[in-house]
Amino acid sequence: MSLVPTRTGAMPFGPEPTFPPFEEMYASKRDGGFTIPAIPYERVPERYLRQVVRDTTGERPGSIVVNTRQHYLFLTLGNGNAIRYGVGLGRAGFEWSGRANVKRKARWPKWFPPDEMIDREPELERYRASYDDSRGIWLGGMEPGVTNPLGARALYIYQDGRDTLYRLHGNPQWSSIGQSVSSGCVRLMNQDVIDLHSRVPDGTPILVR
């Protein structure tokens, strides 16, 4: 029996969650005061579209597992199934792997490119951040929006209580899914990261391998 839904989005097995047809999942939507463009899902390899599959990760229920070889992110469901999302990953020299946890989640986050990224890409200088000790806040960065590289949601990855500076996040460049082109973060289509964000609490374990 095939574990991949047809282009109608119909699931071949299993209990909830069930998803609407792909054209509905990846349609344009209003969220947080922004309009997220529709994804031309017909141009995305079907294996990277959100779907329920058998859980072959070996991880406990409620875990996030990123398979870097296949460009998949799995959320294990605890019933023998998992939700699978297609992802984009870090290019050569910027990969990250290991076990960690989701420590914080954000809706329409600001983007604070690391200083080393700005040093590599001087055109990002206008987004350099500084910390205001008197108010306890970061200043600068890129404001939230549909062109922000972090997209509609961000999940912040911590390891041993420390920020790794790596994120699971949305991205406006749907064509990067299935590619290794980022500065190390795991990127999803905005419609998918909204779904993932809604399903996982702070503390969710994550394995990138």
N, C-alpha and C. Protein backbone atom coordinates (compact mmCIF):
# COMPACT_ATOMS: atom_id res chain seq x y z
N MET A 1 0.85 -1.20 0.00
CA MET A 1 0.00 0.00 0.00
C MET A 1 0.87 1.24 0.00
N SER A 2 0.60 2.16 -0.86
CA SER A 2 1.38 3.39 -0.94
C SER A 2 1.18 4.22 0.32
N LEU A 3 2.27 4.83 0.80
CA LEU A 3 2.19 5.70 1.96
C LEU A 3 2.13 7.15 1.56
N VAL A 4 2.06 7.43 0.29
CA VAL A 4 2.05 8.81 -0.20
C VAL A 4 0.66 9.15 -0.70
N PRO A 5 0.08 10.28 -0.27
CA PRO A 5 -1.25 10.64 -0.74
C PRO A 5 -1.25 10.99 -2.20
N THR A 6 -2.41 10.90 -2.79
CA THR A 6 -2.56 11.35 -4.16
C THR A 6 -2.56 12.86 -4.19
N ARG A 7 -2.60 13.44 -5.38
CA ARG A 7 -2.63 14.90 -5.50
C ARG A 7 -3.91 15.51 -4.93
N THR A 8 -4.88 14.69 -4.58
CA THR A 8 -6.07 15.22 -3.90
C THR A 8 -5.78 15.47 -2.43
N GLY A 9 -4.64 14.92 -1.92
CA GLY A 9 -4.31 15.09 -0.52
C GLY A 9 -4.93 14.02 0.37
N ALA A 10 -5.61 13.03 -0.20
CA ALA A 10 -6.26 12.00 0.62
C ALA A 10 -5.23 11.10 1.26
N MET A 11 -5.37 10.83 2.56
CA MET A 11 -4.44 9.98 3.27
C MET A 11 -4.82 8.50 3.09
N PRO A 12 -3.84 7.62 2.87
CA PRO A 12 -4.15 6.22 2.62
C PRO A 12 -4.42 5.41 3.87
N PHE A 13 -4.17 5.95 5.06
CA PHE A 13 -4.36 5.15 6.26
C PHE A 13 -4.37 6.06 7.46
N GLY A 14 -4.69 5.47 8.60
CA GLY A 14 -4.40 6.07 9.88
C GLY A 14 -5.43 7.05 10.40
N PRO A 15 -5.32 7.31 11.72
CA PRO A 15 -6.22 8.24 12.39
C PRO A 15 -5.79 9.69 12.16
N GLU A 16 -6.33 10.60 12.96
CA GLU A 16 -5.94 12.00 12.89
C GLU A 16 -4.43 12.11 13.10
N PRO A 17 -3.78 13.13 12.56
CA PRO A 17 -4.41 14.21 11.81
C PRO A 17 -4.70 13.84 10.36
N THR A 18 -5.71 14.45 9.83
CA THR A 18 -5.96 14.37 8.40
C THR A 18 -5.82 15.77 7.82
N PHE A 19 -5.43 15.84 6.59
CA PHE A 19 -5.16 17.12 5.96
C PHE A 19 -6.10 17.35 4.78
N PRO A 20 -6.38 18.60 4.47
CA PRO A 20 -7.18 18.89 3.28
C PRO A 20 -6.37 18.64 2.02
N PRO A 21 -6.96 18.76 0.86
CA PRO A 21 -6.20 18.62 -0.39
C PRO A 21 -5.03 19.60 -0.43
N PHE A 22 -4.01 19.24 -1.19
CA PHE A 22 -2.82 20.08 -1.27
C PHE A 22 -3.14 21.51 -1.69
N GLU A 23 -4.10 21.66 -2.60
CA GLU A 23 -4.40 23.02 -3.06
C GLU A 23 -4.96 23.88 -1.94
N GLU A 24 -5.57 23.25 -0.93
CA GLU A 24 -6.04 24.01 0.23
C GLU A 24 -4.93 24.22 1.24
N MET A 25 -4.12 23.20 1.47
CA MET A 25 -3.02 23.33 2.43
C MET A 25 -2.06 24.44 2.04
N TYR A 26 -1.82 24.58 0.75
CA TYR A 26 -0.80 25.52 0.29
C TYR A 26 -1.39 26.75 -0.39
N ALA A 27 -2.67 27.01 -0.11
CA ALA A 27 -3.31 28.22 -0.65
C ALA A 27 -2.81 29.46 0.08
N SER A 28 -3.02 30.62 -0.52
CA SER A 28 -2.73 31.89 0.14
C SER A 28 -3.58 32.00 1.40
N LYS A 29 -3.02 32.60 2.45
CA LYS A 29 -3.78 32.75 3.69
C LYS A 29 -3.35 34.01 4.42
N ARG A 30 -4.29 34.57 5.17
CA ARG A 30 -4.01 35.71 6.04
C ARG A 30 -3.63 35.18 7.41
N ASP A 31 -2.56 35.74 7.96
CA ASP A 31 -2.09 35.30 9.26
C ASP A 31 -1.31 36.43 9.91
N GLY A 32 -1.70 36.81 11.10
CA GLY A 32 -0.97 37.82 11.84
C GLY A 32 -0.88 39.16 11.14
N GLY A 33 -1.87 39.48 10.31
CA GLY A 33 -1.86 40.74 9.60
C GLY A 33 -1.10 40.71 8.29
N PHE A 34 -0.57 39.55 7.91
CA PHE A 34 0.18 39.39 6.66
C PHE A 34 -0.56 38.42 5.74
N THR A 35 -0.34 38.58 4.45
CA THR A 35 -0.89 37.66 3.46
C THR A 35 0.23 36.76 2.95
N ILE A 36 0.14 35.49 3.26
CA ILE A 36 1.14 34.52 2.82
C ILE A 36 0.78 34.07 1.41
N PRO A 37 1.70 34.21 0.46
CA PRO A 37 1.38 33.79 -0.92
C PRO A 37 1.12 32.29 -1.02
N ALA A 38 0.31 31.91 -1.98
CA ALA A 38 0.09 30.50 -2.26
C ALA A 38 1.38 29.85 -2.75
N ILE A 39 1.54 28.59 -2.43
CA ILE A 39 2.66 27.79 -2.94
C ILE A 39 2.20 27.08 -4.20
N PRO A 40 2.94 27.19 -5.30
CA PRO A 40 2.59 26.41 -6.50
C PRO A 40 2.97 24.94 -6.28
N TYR A 41 2.14 24.25 -5.52
CA TYR A 41 2.49 22.92 -5.03
C TYR A 41 2.76 21.93 -6.16
N GLU A 42 2.17 22.19 -7.34
CA GLU A 42 2.41 21.28 -8.47
C GLU A 42 3.87 21.30 -8.90
N ARG A 43 4.60 22.36 -8.54
CA ARG A 43 6.00 22.49 -8.92
C ARG A 43 6.94 21.99 -7.82
N VAL A 44 6.38 21.54 -6.69
CA VAL A 44 7.17 20.99 -5.59
C VAL A 44 7.11 19.47 -5.68
N PRO A 45 8.24 18.78 -5.66
CA PRO A 45 8.18 17.31 -5.68
C PRO A 45 7.23 16.81 -4.59
N GLU A 46 6.36 15.91 -4.95
CA GLU A 46 5.29 15.49 -4.04
C GLU A 46 5.81 14.96 -2.72
N ARG A 47 7.00 14.37 -2.72
CA ARG A 47 7.53 13.81 -1.47
C ARG A 47 7.81 14.90 -0.44
N TYR A 48 7.92 16.16 -0.87
CA TYR A 48 8.19 17.25 0.06
C TYR A 48 6.92 17.95 0.55
N LEU A 49 5.77 17.52 0.10
CA LEU A 49 4.52 18.11 0.56
C LEU A 49 4.07 17.42 1.86
N ARG A 50 3.44 18.17 2.73
CA ARG A 50 3.04 17.67 4.05
C ARG A 50 2.12 16.47 3.93
N GLN A 51 2.44 15.41 4.67
CA GLN A 51 1.64 14.18 4.60
C GLN A 51 1.94 13.29 5.79
N VAL A 52 1.04 12.36 6.06
CA VAL A 52 1.23 11.36 7.10
C VAL A 52 1.89 10.13 6.49
N VAL A 53 2.93 9.63 7.17
CA VAL A 53 3.65 8.44 6.71
C VAL A 53 3.88 7.52 7.91
N ARG A 54 4.34 6.31 7.64
CA ARG A 54 4.73 5.42 8.72
C ARG A 54 5.94 5.99 9.44
N ASP A 55 5.96 5.84 10.76
CA ASP A 55 7.07 6.35 11.56
C ASP A 55 8.18 5.31 11.59
N THR A 56 9.29 5.62 10.94
CA THR A 56 10.45 4.74 10.92
C THR A 56 11.64 5.36 11.65
N THR A 57 11.39 6.41 12.44
CA THR A 57 12.49 7.16 13.07
C THR A 57 13.10 6.44 14.26
N GLY A 58 12.29 5.63 14.98
CA GLY A 58 12.77 5.00 16.20
C GLY A 58 12.78 5.92 17.40
N GLU A 59 12.25 7.15 17.24
CA GLU A 59 12.24 8.11 18.34
C GLU A 59 10.89 8.08 19.05
N ARG A 60 10.88 8.58 20.28
CA ARG A 60 9.66 8.52 21.07
C ARG A 60 8.61 9.49 20.53
N PRO A 61 7.34 9.23 20.86
CA PRO A 61 6.27 10.10 20.37
C PRO A 61 6.49 11.56 20.77
N GLY A 62 6.11 12.45 19.86
CA GLY A 62 6.26 13.87 20.11
C GLY A 62 7.64 14.41 19.83
N SER A 63 8.44 13.67 19.10
CA SER A 63 9.79 14.11 18.76
C SER A 63 9.83 14.68 17.34
N ILE A 64 10.76 15.59 17.13
CA ILE A 64 11.07 16.10 15.80
C ILE A 64 12.36 15.43 15.34
N VAL A 65 12.33 14.88 14.16
CA VAL A 65 13.52 14.23 13.59
C VAL A 65 13.75 14.81 12.20
N VAL A 66 14.94 15.35 11.98
CA VAL A 66 15.31 15.89 10.68
C VAL A 66 16.27 14.93 10.00
N ASN A 67 15.85 14.41 8.87
CA ASN A 67 16.68 13.52 8.07
C ASN A 67 17.38 14.39 7.02
N THR A 68 18.66 14.66 7.25
CA THR A 68 19.38 15.59 6.37
C THR A 68 19.69 14.99 5.02
N ARG A 69 19.75 13.67 4.93
CA ARG A 69 20.05 13.04 3.65
C ARG A 69 18.87 13.18 2.69
N GLN A 70 17.66 13.03 3.23
CA GLN A 70 16.48 13.05 2.38
C GLN A 70 15.74 14.39 2.39
N HIS A 71 16.19 15.33 3.24
CA HIS A 71 15.52 16.63 3.35
C HIS A 71 14.08 16.48 3.83
N TYR A 72 13.92 15.69 4.90
CA TYR A 72 12.63 15.50 5.53
C TYR A 72 12.70 15.94 6.99
N LEU A 73 11.57 16.43 7.50
CA LEU A 73 11.38 16.62 8.93
C LEU A 73 10.17 15.79 9.32
N PHE A 74 10.34 14.95 10.36
CA PHE A 74 9.28 14.11 10.86
C PHE A 74 8.84 14.59 12.24
N LEU A 75 7.55 14.62 12.48
CA LEU A 75 6.99 14.79 13.82
C LEU A 75 6.30 13.48 14.18
N THR A 76 6.87 12.77 15.16
CA THR A 76 6.34 11.45 15.50
C THR A 76 5.03 11.59 16.28
N LEU A 77 4.06 10.73 15.95
CA LEU A 77 2.71 10.87 16.49
C LEU A 77 2.38 9.88 17.60
N GLY A 78 3.16 8.83 17.74
CA GLY A 78 2.90 7.87 18.80
C GLY A 78 1.90 6.80 18.44
N ASN A 79 1.46 6.74 17.22
CA ASN A 79 0.50 5.71 16.79
C ASN A 79 1.04 4.91 15.61
N GLY A 80 2.35 4.92 15.48
CA GLY A 80 2.98 4.23 14.35
C GLY A 80 3.12 5.10 13.13
N ASN A 81 2.63 6.33 13.21
CA ASN A 81 2.70 7.26 12.09
C ASN A 81 3.50 8.51 12.47
N ALA A 82 3.80 9.29 11.48
CA ALA A 82 4.48 10.57 11.68
C ALA A 82 4.01 11.54 10.59
N ILE A 83 4.04 12.81 10.91
CA ILE A 83 3.82 13.83 9.88
C ILE A 83 5.18 14.13 9.26
N ARG A 84 5.22 14.14 7.94
CA ARG A 84 6.47 14.42 7.24
C ARG A 84 6.34 15.73 6.46
N TYR A 85 7.34 16.57 6.62
CA TYR A 85 7.42 17.84 5.91
C TYR A 85 8.73 17.87 5.11
N GLY A 86 8.72 18.49 3.95
CA GLY A 86 9.95 18.73 3.23
C GLY A 86 10.66 19.94 3.79
N VAL A 87 12.00 19.91 3.80
CA VAL A 87 12.78 21.01 4.37
C VAL A 87 13.96 21.37 3.48
N GLY A 88 14.44 22.59 3.65
CA GLY A 88 15.72 23.02 3.11
C GLY A 88 16.73 23.04 4.25
N LEU A 89 18.00 22.83 3.93
CA LEU A 89 19.03 22.67 4.95
C LEU A 89 20.24 23.54 4.66
N GLY A 90 21.22 23.49 5.58
CA GLY A 90 22.43 24.28 5.44
C GLY A 90 23.33 23.77 4.34
N ARG A 91 23.97 24.71 3.65
CA ARG A 91 24.91 24.33 2.60
C ARG A 91 26.20 23.82 3.23
N ALA A 92 27.07 23.26 2.39
CA ALA A 92 28.32 22.67 2.86
C ALA A 92 29.09 23.66 3.73
N GLY A 93 29.49 23.20 4.90
CA GLY A 93 30.23 24.05 5.83
C GLY A 93 29.34 24.73 6.86
N PHE A 94 28.02 24.63 6.68
CA PHE A 94 27.10 25.28 7.61
C PHE A 94 26.10 24.29 8.23
N GLU A 95 26.39 23.00 8.10
CA GLU A 95 25.46 22.01 8.62
C GLU A 95 25.53 21.95 10.15
N TRP A 96 24.44 21.49 10.73
CA TRP A 96 24.39 21.23 12.17
C TRP A 96 23.69 19.91 12.38
N SER A 97 24.13 19.14 13.36
CA SER A 97 23.45 17.89 13.68
C SER A 97 23.61 17.63 15.16
N GLY A 98 22.75 16.76 15.67
CA GLY A 98 22.81 16.41 17.08
C GLY A 98 21.43 16.38 17.72
N ARG A 99 21.42 16.20 19.03
CA ARG A 99 20.19 16.20 19.81
C ARG A 99 20.07 17.52 20.56
N ALA A 100 18.86 18.03 20.61
CA ALA A 100 18.61 19.30 21.28
C ALA A 100 17.12 19.38 21.61
N ASN A 101 16.66 20.57 21.96
CA ASN A 101 15.26 20.79 22.28
C ASN A 101 14.79 22.11 21.71
N VAL A 102 13.49 22.17 21.45
CA VAL A 102 12.87 23.45 21.11
C VAL A 102 12.65 24.20 22.41
N LYS A 103 13.34 25.32 22.57
CA LYS A 103 13.28 26.07 23.82
C LYS A 103 12.28 27.23 23.76
N ARG A 104 12.08 27.74 22.57
CA ARG A 104 11.22 28.92 22.42
C ARG A 104 10.58 28.88 21.04
N LYS A 105 9.37 29.44 20.94
CA LYS A 105 8.67 29.53 19.66
C LYS A 105 8.23 30.97 19.45
N ALA A 106 8.16 31.38 18.19
CA ALA A 106 7.76 32.75 17.89
C ALA A 106 6.89 32.79 16.66
N ARG A 107 5.90 33.70 16.69
CA ARG A 107 5.07 33.99 15.53
C ARG A 107 5.60 35.25 14.86
N TRP A 108 5.77 35.19 13.57
CA TRP A 108 6.28 36.33 12.80
C TRP A 108 7.47 36.99 13.51
N PRO A 109 8.55 36.24 13.65
CA PRO A 109 9.71 36.75 14.40
C PRO A 109 10.49 37.81 13.63
N LYS A 110 11.17 38.65 14.38
CA LYS A 110 12.19 39.51 13.77
C LYS A 110 13.40 38.63 13.44
N TRP A 111 14.19 39.08 12.49
CA TRP A 111 15.40 38.35 12.11
C TRP A 111 16.61 39.15 12.53
N PHE A 112 17.49 38.52 13.30
CA PHE A 112 18.74 39.13 13.72
C PHE A 112 19.89 38.33 13.12
N PRO A 113 20.35 38.70 11.92
CA PRO A 113 21.45 37.93 11.33
C PRO A 113 22.69 37.99 12.21
N PRO A 114 23.35 36.87 12.43
CA PRO A 114 24.57 36.88 13.25
C PRO A 114 25.64 37.79 12.65
N ASP A 115 26.49 38.31 13.52
CA ASP A 115 27.54 39.22 13.06
C ASP A 115 28.42 38.59 11.99
N GLU A 116 28.70 37.29 12.15
CA GLU A 116 29.57 36.63 11.16
C GLU A 116 28.89 36.55 9.80
N MET A 117 27.56 36.43 9.77
CA MET A 117 26.85 36.43 8.50
C MET A 117 26.93 37.82 7.86
N ILE A 118 26.76 38.84 8.68
CA ILE A 118 26.85 40.22 8.16
C ILE A 118 28.24 40.49 7.63
N ASP A 119 29.26 39.95 8.31
CA ASP A 119 30.63 40.14 7.83
C ASP A 119 30.83 39.48 6.47
N ARG A 120 30.15 38.35 6.23
CA ARG A 120 30.25 37.67 4.94
C ARG A 120 29.42 38.37 3.87
N GLU A 121 28.31 38.98 4.31
CA GLU A 121 27.37 39.60 3.39
C GLU A 121 27.12 41.04 3.83
N PRO A 122 28.00 41.96 3.46
CA PRO A 122 27.92 43.34 3.95
C PRO A 122 26.59 44.04 3.65
N GLU A 123 25.85 43.56 2.66
CA GLU A 123 24.56 44.18 2.36
C GLU A 123 23.55 44.02 3.50
N LEU A 124 23.87 43.14 4.45
CA LEU A 124 23.00 42.94 5.61
C LEU A 124 23.33 43.87 6.77
N GLU A 125 24.27 44.75 6.58
CA GLU A 125 24.72 45.62 7.68
C GLU A 125 23.56 46.38 8.33
N ARG A 126 22.59 46.80 7.55
CA ARG A 126 21.48 47.58 8.11
C ARG A 126 20.64 46.79 9.09
N TYR A 127 20.83 45.45 9.14
CA TYR A 127 20.07 44.63 10.07
C TYR A 127 20.90 44.21 11.29
N ARG A 128 22.11 44.76 11.43
CA ARG A 128 22.94 44.41 12.58
C ARG A 128 22.24 44.83 13.87
N ALA A 129 22.28 43.95 14.86
CA ALA A 129 21.56 44.20 16.11
C ALA A 129 22.52 44.64 17.22
N SER A 130 21.96 45.35 18.18
CA SER A 130 22.69 45.71 19.39
C SER A 130 21.76 45.55 20.57
N TYR A 131 22.34 45.26 21.73
CA TYR A 131 21.53 45.01 22.92
C TYR A 131 21.48 46.25 23.79
N ASP A 132 20.28 46.68 24.13
CA ASP A 132 20.06 47.84 24.99
C ASP A 132 19.94 47.34 26.43
N ASP A 133 21.03 47.49 27.20
CA ASP A 133 21.03 46.99 28.58
C ASP A 133 19.99 47.68 29.45
N SER A 134 19.76 48.96 29.20
CA SER A 134 18.85 49.72 30.06
C SER A 134 17.41 49.22 29.94
N ARG A 135 17.05 48.74 28.73
CA ARG A 135 15.69 48.25 28.51
C ARG A 135 15.60 46.74 28.38
N GLY A 136 16.75 46.10 28.29
CA GLY A 136 16.77 44.65 28.20
C GLY A 136 16.20 44.11 26.91
N ILE A 137 16.44 44.83 25.80
CA ILE A 137 15.90 44.40 24.51
C ILE A 137 16.98 44.51 23.43
N TRP A 138 16.77 43.77 22.35
CA TRP A 138 17.62 43.87 21.18
C TRP A 138 17.06 44.92 20.24
N LEU A 139 17.93 45.72 19.69
CA LEU A 139 17.56 46.74 18.73
C LEU A 139 18.11 46.36 17.36
N GLY A 140 17.43 46.80 16.31
CA GLY A 140 17.87 46.48 14.96
C GLY A 140 17.17 45.24 14.45
N GLY A 141 17.80 44.54 13.52
CA GLY A 141 17.21 43.36 12.92
C GLY A 141 16.20 43.72 11.83
N MET A 142 15.67 42.70 11.20
CA MET A 142 14.66 42.89 10.16
C MET A 142 13.28 42.67 10.74
N GLU A 143 12.37 43.57 10.44
CA GLU A 143 11.01 43.47 10.94
C GLU A 143 10.31 42.24 10.36
N PRO A 144 9.30 41.71 11.08
CA PRO A 144 8.54 40.57 10.56
C PRO A 144 7.85 40.90 9.24
N GLY A 145 7.59 39.88 8.44
CA GLY A 145 6.88 40.06 7.19
C GLY A 145 7.11 38.90 6.24
N VAL A 146 6.44 38.94 5.12
CA VAL A 146 6.49 37.81 4.19
C VAL A 146 7.84 37.70 3.49
N THR A 147 8.66 38.76 3.50
CA THR A 147 10.00 38.67 2.90
C THR A 147 11.08 38.39 3.94
N ASN A 148 10.71 38.36 5.22
CA ASN A 148 11.67 38.05 6.28
C ASN A 148 12.14 36.61 6.13
N PRO A 149 13.46 36.35 6.17
CA PRO A 149 13.96 34.99 5.97
C PRO A 149 13.47 33.97 6.99
N LEU A 150 12.99 34.42 8.17
CA LEU A 150 12.47 33.47 9.15
C LEU A 150 11.01 33.12 8.91
N GLY A 151 10.35 33.85 8.03
CA GLY A 151 8.99 33.50 7.66
C GLY A 151 7.99 33.72 8.77
N ALA A 152 6.94 32.90 8.75
CA ALA A 152 5.79 33.10 9.62
C ALA A 152 5.99 32.58 11.04
N ARG A 153 6.87 31.64 11.25
CA ARG A 153 7.10 31.06 12.56
C ARG A 153 8.58 30.67 12.69
N ALA A 154 9.05 30.64 13.92
CA ALA A 154 10.40 30.15 14.20
C ALA A 154 10.37 29.33 15.47
N LEU A 155 11.11 28.23 15.47
CA LEU A 155 11.31 27.40 16.65
C LEU A 155 12.81 27.41 16.93
N TYR A 156 13.17 27.79 18.15
CA TYR A 156 14.56 28.06 18.50
C TYR A 156 15.17 26.82 19.17
N ILE A 157 16.31 26.40 18.65
CA ILE A 157 16.93 25.14 19.07
C ILE A 157 18.00 25.41 20.13
N TYR A 158 17.81 24.78 21.29
CA TYR A 158 18.77 24.90 22.40
C TYR A 158 19.36 23.52 22.71
N GLN A 159 20.64 23.54 23.08
CA GLN A 159 21.33 22.31 23.43
C GLN A 159 22.02 22.52 24.78
N ASP A 160 21.71 21.67 25.74
CA ASP A 160 22.25 21.82 27.09
C ASP A 160 21.99 23.22 27.65
N GLY A 161 20.79 23.74 27.36
CA GLY A 161 20.40 25.03 27.89
C GLY A 161 20.95 26.23 27.17
N ARG A 162 21.70 26.04 26.11
CA ARG A 162 22.32 27.14 25.38
C ARG A 162 21.76 27.23 23.97
N ASP A 163 21.57 28.46 23.52
CA ASP A 163 21.06 28.70 22.17
C ASP A 163 22.11 28.28 21.15
N THR A 164 21.71 27.37 20.26
CA THR A 164 22.64 26.93 19.21
C THR A 164 22.75 27.94 18.07
N LEU A 165 21.81 28.91 18.04
CA LEU A 165 21.66 29.88 16.95
C LEU A 165 21.06 29.26 15.70
N TYR A 166 20.67 27.98 15.80
CA TYR A 166 19.98 27.34 14.69
C TYR A 166 18.48 27.34 14.97
N ARG A 167 17.70 27.39 13.90
CA ARG A 167 16.26 27.51 14.01
C ARG A 167 15.56 26.53 13.05
N LEU A 168 14.35 26.17 13.41
CA LEU A 168 13.40 25.64 12.44
C LEU A 168 12.50 26.82 12.10
N HIS A 169 12.39 27.16 10.85
CA HIS A 169 11.64 28.38 10.53
C HIS A 169 11.02 28.32 9.15
N GLY A 170 10.06 29.22 8.94
CA GLY A 170 9.45 29.37 7.64
C GLY A 170 10.37 30.11 6.69
N ASN A 171 9.95 30.17 5.45
CA ASN A 171 10.77 30.85 4.47
C ASN A 171 9.93 31.15 3.23
N PRO A 172 10.10 32.33 2.63
CA PRO A 172 9.30 32.65 1.45
C PRO A 172 9.76 31.94 0.18
N GLN A 173 10.95 31.32 0.21
CA GLN A 173 11.51 30.71 -1.00
C GLN A 173 11.15 29.22 -1.04
N TRP A 174 9.96 28.93 -1.50
CA TRP A 174 9.50 27.54 -1.53
C TRP A 174 10.40 26.66 -2.38
N SER A 175 11.06 27.24 -3.37
CA SER A 175 11.90 26.44 -4.27
C SER A 175 13.16 25.93 -3.58
N SER A 176 13.47 26.44 -2.38
CA SER A 176 14.65 25.96 -1.66
C SER A 176 14.40 24.66 -0.91
N ILE A 177 13.14 24.24 -0.83
CA ILE A 177 12.83 23.00 -0.14
C ILE A 177 13.41 21.83 -0.92
N GLY A 178 14.11 20.95 -0.20
CA GLY A 178 14.81 19.85 -0.85
C GLY A 178 16.23 20.20 -1.24
N GLN A 179 16.66 21.44 -0.94
CA GLN A 179 18.00 21.90 -1.29
C GLN A 179 18.81 22.16 -0.01
N SER A 180 20.12 22.25 -0.16
CA SER A 180 21.01 22.60 0.95
C SER A 180 21.67 23.92 0.61
N VAL A 181 21.00 25.01 1.01
CA VAL A 181 21.43 26.35 0.57
C VAL A 181 21.43 27.37 1.69
N SER A 182 20.96 27.02 2.89
CA SER A 182 20.84 28.01 3.96
C SER A 182 22.15 28.13 4.73
N SER A 183 22.12 28.98 5.75
CA SER A 183 23.29 29.15 6.63
C SER A 183 23.21 28.21 7.82
N GLY A 184 22.56 27.10 7.66
CA GLY A 184 22.54 26.07 8.68
C GLY A 184 21.18 25.77 9.24
N CYS A 185 20.25 26.70 9.16
CA CYS A 185 18.92 26.48 9.73
C CYS A 185 18.11 25.51 8.88
N VAL A 186 17.05 24.98 9.51
CA VAL A 186 16.12 24.09 8.83
C VAL A 186 14.91 24.92 8.42
N ARG A 187 14.67 25.04 7.14
CA ARG A 187 13.60 25.90 6.65
C ARG A 187 12.46 25.08 6.07
N LEU A 188 11.23 25.54 6.32
CA LEU A 188 10.03 24.91 5.80
C LEU A 188 9.23 25.94 5.03
N MET A 189 8.31 25.48 4.20
CA MET A 189 7.38 26.39 3.58
C MET A 189 6.52 27.02 4.68
N ASN A 190 6.12 28.27 4.50
CA ASN A 190 5.40 28.97 5.55
C ASN A 190 4.15 28.23 6.01
N GLN A 191 3.39 27.68 5.07
CA GLN A 191 2.18 26.95 5.45
C GLN A 191 2.52 25.74 6.32
N ASP A 192 3.67 25.13 6.07
CA ASP A 192 4.06 23.96 6.85
C ASP A 192 4.59 24.35 8.22
N VAL A 193 5.36 25.42 8.31
CA VAL A 193 5.90 25.78 9.62
C VAL A 193 4.79 26.26 10.56
N ILE A 194 3.74 26.86 10.01
CA ILE A 194 2.59 27.23 10.84
C ILE A 194 1.95 25.97 11.42
N ASP A 195 1.82 24.94 10.60
CA ASP A 195 1.25 23.68 11.08
C ASP A 195 2.14 23.06 12.15
N LEU A 196 3.45 22.98 11.89
CA LEU A 196 4.37 22.39 12.86
C LEU A 196 4.36 23.17 14.17
N HIS A 197 4.42 24.49 14.07
CA HIS A 197 4.43 25.37 15.24
C HIS A 197 3.21 25.10 16.13
N SER A 198 2.07 24.82 15.51
CA SER A 198 0.83 24.61 16.28
C SER A 198 0.81 23.28 17.00
N ARG A 199 1.69 22.36 16.64
CA ARG A 199 1.63 21.00 17.16
C ARG A 199 2.67 20.71 18.24
N VAL A 200 3.72 21.51 18.35
CA VAL A 200 4.81 21.16 19.26
C VAL A 200 4.94 22.19 20.38
N PRO A 201 5.08 21.73 21.63
CA PRO A 201 5.29 22.65 22.74
C PRO A 201 6.77 22.94 22.96
N ASP A 202 7.03 23.96 23.76
CA ASP A 202 8.41 24.18 24.21
C ASP A 202 8.91 22.91 24.89
N GLY A 203 10.19 22.62 24.70
CA GLY A 203 10.79 21.43 25.28
C GLY A 203 10.78 20.23 24.36
N THR A 204 10.11 20.32 23.22
CA THR A 204 10.06 19.19 22.29
C THR A 204 11.46 18.74 21.91
N PRO A 205 11.77 17.45 22.04
CA PRO A 205 13.10 16.98 21.63
C PRO A 205 13.24 17.00 20.11
N ILE A 206 14.45 17.30 19.68
CA ILE A 206 14.74 17.33 18.25
C ILE A 206 16.04 16.60 17.99
N LEU A 207 16.04 15.81 16.96
CA LEU A 207 17.23 15.09 16.51
C LEU A 207 17.47 15.46 15.05
N VAL A 208 18.64 15.98 14.77
CA VAL A 208 19.06 16.28 13.40
C VAL A 208 20.18 15.32 13.07
N ARG A 209 19.96 14.51 12.03
CA ARG A 209 20.97 13.49 11.72
C ARG A 209 21.11 13.30 10.22
